[in-house]
Each structure stands twice: as structure tokens, then as C-alpha cells.
Amino acid sequence: MTRIQPEDLDDAQDAFEQLTAEQVRELRKRQPLLSVWRVVIAQALIGVLVAAVVWLVSGRVSAVCSAVYGALAVILPAALFARGLTSPVASVNAGAAVFGFFLWEMVKIGLTVAMLFAAPRLINDLSWPAMLAGLVVTMKVYWLALGVRRVFYPVGQT
């Protein structure tokens, strides 16, 4: 393993320059923060779209309910996660932010698994393919958020 020598640290500190306020504003315009709430809203819209497609394909109310429940198994935990991440407690310091992220991610996963286990008891005549379609397609919005920047990243905020 290579060790960093003390004289190398002096060179590294000289390599960094502080940005001016104008440079910071320009950087934020080029690389805005991801809006977590926009992702949750997009997931809800995609969930409705999946339910509509299931209705057109199957024509069965139970299949539509199953698809909506599958989408809700992603949307509700994601909304709880977003609420936890955007709370004032999560932004106290870096340690609290990291701990909050992992805590809310575990809550999100646990709630999703609990909702999937409860699905057969809550939905009459559950259609597993429709529920899984709602779940998977709604979950793929996370990848869409990474690829389609204009929709998910707020513009004009500094």
C-alpha cells in the first residue's frame, strides 16, 4: 500500500483553489441537487400509468388494485424516506445526515417488505403479475431520475 509522504501533502494543498461566489453559483447551475420529492411525484404518476395500462390489458378491477398496491409499496416508503431526509434533524451535521440516510433507507426497505407480505391479506383476488408490474416499473423511476435531468432537477434555484 502506498503511503502519502508529508511533502506530498503540501503540493496537494497548493493544487486546490477556493471558488468565488460567482463560480459556486455557476457550478450549482451546471450540477443542481436532485429533488427527492420530484422523484416521489414521478413515481406516483408512473404508478397511475401502470394501473391504466393494466386496466386496458386485463379489464379486471382486482388486477388494477394489485398494480396500484404494487406501486404504493414503492411510493409510500419513498415518501417516508424523503420526509426523513428533508427533516431539519437530518441536516444538523454530516454525521447526522449519514446516519439519517441509512436509518430511513432501512425503514423504507422494511416498510416495502411488510407491505408485500401483507398484500395477499389486503387485496382480494390478488394478481401477482400486476402487483409486481406496478412495483418494478414504479421502482425503475429511480433510474429514470438519473437519466432525465431536466425533469427531476430543479432549475433556477441558488
Protein backbone atom coordinates (compact mmCIF):
# COMPACT_ATOMS: atom_id res chain seq x y z
CA MET A 1 0.00 0.00 0.00
CA THR A 2 1.37 3.40 -0.94
CA ARG A 3 1.75 5.94 1.81
CA ILE A 4 1.37 9.67 1.33
CA GLN A 5 4.50 11.50 2.32
CA PRO A 6 4.21 14.82 4.24
CA GLU A 7 5.90 16.73 1.43
CA ASP A 8 3.22 15.43 -0.99
CA LEU A 9 0.51 16.98 1.19
CA ASP A 10 1.98 20.44 0.71
CA ASP A 11 1.80 20.01 -3.07
CA ALA A 12 -1.79 18.77 -2.84
CA GLN A 13 -2.90 21.77 -0.78
CA ASP A 14 -1.42 24.12 -3.36
CA ALA A 15 -3.35 22.35 -6.15
CA PHE A 16 -6.76 23.42 -4.76
CA GLU A 17 -8.04 26.92 -5.14
CA GLN A 18 -11.05 28.41 -3.45
CA LEU A 19 -14.02 29.22 -5.63
CA THR A 20 -15.55 32.65 -5.72
CA ALA A 21 -19.26 33.13 -5.02
CA GLU A 22 -19.91 33.54 -8.75
CA GLN A 23 -18.05 30.30 -9.54
CA VAL A 24 -20.10 28.47 -6.90
CA ARG A 25 -23.35 29.79 -8.41
CA GLU A 26 -22.24 28.67 -11.87
CA LEU A 27 -21.30 25.23 -10.56
CA ARG A 28 -24.70 24.86 -8.89
CA LYS A 29 -26.42 25.80 -12.14
CA ARG A 30 -24.49 23.11 -14.01
CA GLN A 31 -24.86 20.47 -11.29
CA PRO A 32 -28.10 21.10 -9.35
CA LEU A 33 -29.24 18.94 -6.45
CA LEU A 34 -31.71 16.15 -7.08
CA SER A 35 -35.20 16.91 -5.80
CA VAL A 36 -36.29 13.82 -3.85
CA TRP A 37 -39.91 14.97 -3.82
CA ARG A 38 -39.96 15.21 -7.62
CA VAL A 39 -38.90 11.57 -7.78
CA VAL A 40 -41.75 10.58 -5.44
CA ILE A 41 -44.27 12.55 -7.53
CA ALA A 42 -42.94 10.92 -10.71
CA GLN A 43 -43.30 7.51 -9.07
CA ALA A 44 -46.94 8.30 -8.26
CA LEU A 45 -47.60 9.37 -11.86
CA ILE A 46 -45.91 6.25 -13.24
CA GLY A 47 -47.94 4.12 -10.79
CA VAL A 48 -51.16 5.63 -12.16
CA LEU A 49 -49.93 4.99 -15.70
CA VAL A 50 -49.17 1.33 -14.89
CA ALA A 51 -52.65 0.94 -13.37
CA ALA A 52 -54.19 2.40 -16.54
CA VAL A 53 -52.20 0.01 -18.73
CA VAL A 54 -53.23 -2.94 -16.54
CA TRP A 55 -56.86 -1.82 -16.84
CA LEU A 56 -56.57 -1.66 -20.65
CA VAL A 57 -54.85 -5.05 -20.87
CA SER A 58 -56.88 -7.03 -18.35
CA GLY A 59 -60.09 -5.09 -17.72
CA ARG A 60 -60.18 -6.54 -14.20
CA VAL A 61 -60.59 -4.30 -11.16
CA SER A 62 -58.66 -6.77 -8.99
CA ALA A 63 -55.67 -6.55 -11.34
CA VAL A 64 -55.80 -2.74 -11.25
CA CYS A 65 -55.95 -2.82 -7.43
CA SER A 66 -52.98 -5.18 -7.42
CA ALA A 67 -50.97 -2.87 -9.70
CA VAL A 68 -51.84 0.17 -7.57
CA TYR A 69 -50.86 -1.70 -4.41
CA GLY A 70 -47.53 -2.67 -6.01
CA ALA A 71 -46.90 0.97 -6.88
CA LEU A 72 -47.90 2.06 -3.37
CA ALA A 73 -45.40 -0.44 -1.94
CA VAL A 74 -42.73 1.76 -3.54
CA ILE A 75 -44.32 5.22 -3.27
CA LEU A 76 -45.29 5.25 0.43
CA PRO A 77 -41.87 4.10 1.71
CA ALA A 78 -40.16 6.51 -0.69
CA ALA A 79 -42.28 9.39 0.60
CA LEU A 80 -41.43 8.46 4.18
CA PHE A 81 -37.76 8.28 3.20
CA ALA A 82 -37.93 11.70 1.51
CA ARG A 83 -39.64 13.19 4.56
CA GLY A 84 -36.93 11.79 6.81
CA LEU A 85 -34.12 13.09 4.61
CA THR A 86 -35.58 16.58 4.31
CA SER A 87 -36.29 16.99 8.04
CA PRO A 88 -34.27 19.60 9.98
CA VAL A 89 -32.73 16.87 12.16
CA ALA A 90 -31.10 15.24 9.12
CA SER A 91 -29.19 18.41 8.27
CA VAL A 92 -27.67 19.18 11.67
CA ASN A 93 -24.23 17.90 10.67
CA ALA A 94 -22.63 15.40 8.31
CA GLY A 95 -22.77 12.55 10.81
CA ALA A 96 -26.49 13.06 11.41
CA ALA A 97 -27.09 13.20 7.66
CA VAL A 98 -25.28 9.91 7.03
CA PHE A 99 -26.97 8.20 9.98
CA GLY A 100 -30.35 9.57 8.88
CA PHE A 101 -29.84 8.32 5.34
CA PHE A 102 -29.10 4.77 6.50
CA LEU A 103 -31.87 4.82 9.10
CA TRP A 104 -34.52 5.99 6.64
CA GLU A 105 -33.27 3.61 3.96
CA MET A 106 -33.74 0.70 6.39
CA VAL A 107 -37.22 1.99 7.29
CA LYS A 108 -38.03 2.23 3.57
CA ILE A 109 -36.90 -1.33 2.86
CA GLY A 110 -38.67 -2.70 5.93
CA LEU A 111 -41.94 -0.98 5.06
CA THR A 112 -41.77 -2.21 1.46
CA VAL A 113 -41.19 -5.81 2.60
CA ALA A 114 -44.01 -5.53 5.16
CA MET A 115 -46.39 -4.21 2.52
CA LEU A 116 -45.50 -7.07 0.17
CA PHE A 117 -46.10 -9.63 2.90
CA ALA A 118 -49.47 -8.02 3.72
CA ALA A 119 -50.62 -7.87 0.09
CA PRO A 120 -52.41 -11.27 -0.04
CA ARG A 121 -54.42 -10.37 3.07
CA LEU A 122 -55.30 -6.85 1.97
CA ILE A 123 -56.10 -7.31 -1.74
CA ASN A 124 -58.94 -9.65 -2.70
CA ASP A 125 -58.10 -11.84 -5.69
CA LEU A 126 -54.51 -10.55 -5.79
CA SER A 127 -52.89 -10.61 -9.21
CA TRP A 128 -49.20 -11.19 -8.56
CA PRO A 129 -48.06 -10.27 -12.10
CA ALA A 130 -49.98 -6.98 -11.95
CA MET A 131 -48.67 -6.18 -8.47
CA LEU A 132 -45.10 -6.95 -9.48
CA ALA A 133 -45.50 -4.86 -12.64
CA GLY A 134 -46.65 -1.91 -10.53
CA LEU A 135 -43.80 -2.48 -8.08
CA VAL A 136 -40.99 -2.90 -10.61
CA VAL A 137 -41.99 -0.17 -13.05
CA THR A 138 -42.51 2.33 -10.23
CA MET A 139 -39.17 1.38 -8.71
CA LYS A 140 -37.40 1.99 -12.03
CA VAL A 141 -38.22 5.71 -11.74
CA TYR A 142 -35.03 6.00 -9.67
CA TRP A 143 -33.03 5.13 -12.80
CA LEU A 144 -35.13 7.49 -14.87
CA ALA A 145 -34.30 10.27 -12.39
CA LEU A 146 -30.60 9.72 -13.03
CA GLY A 147 -31.04 9.81 -16.79
CA VAL A 148 -33.56 12.60 -17.36
CA ARG A 149 -32.04 15.54 -15.52
CA ARG A 150 -34.39 18.28 -16.76
CA VAL A 151 -37.46 16.70 -15.16
CA PHE A 152 -36.06 15.85 -11.75
CA TYR A 153 -33.53 18.59 -11.07
CA PRO A 154 -34.89 22.00 -10.09
CA VAL A 155 -33.76 24.83 -12.33
CA GLY A 156 -33.11 28.38 -11.26
CA GLN A 157 -32.52 27.73 -7.56
CA THR A 158 -29.36 29.10 -5.97
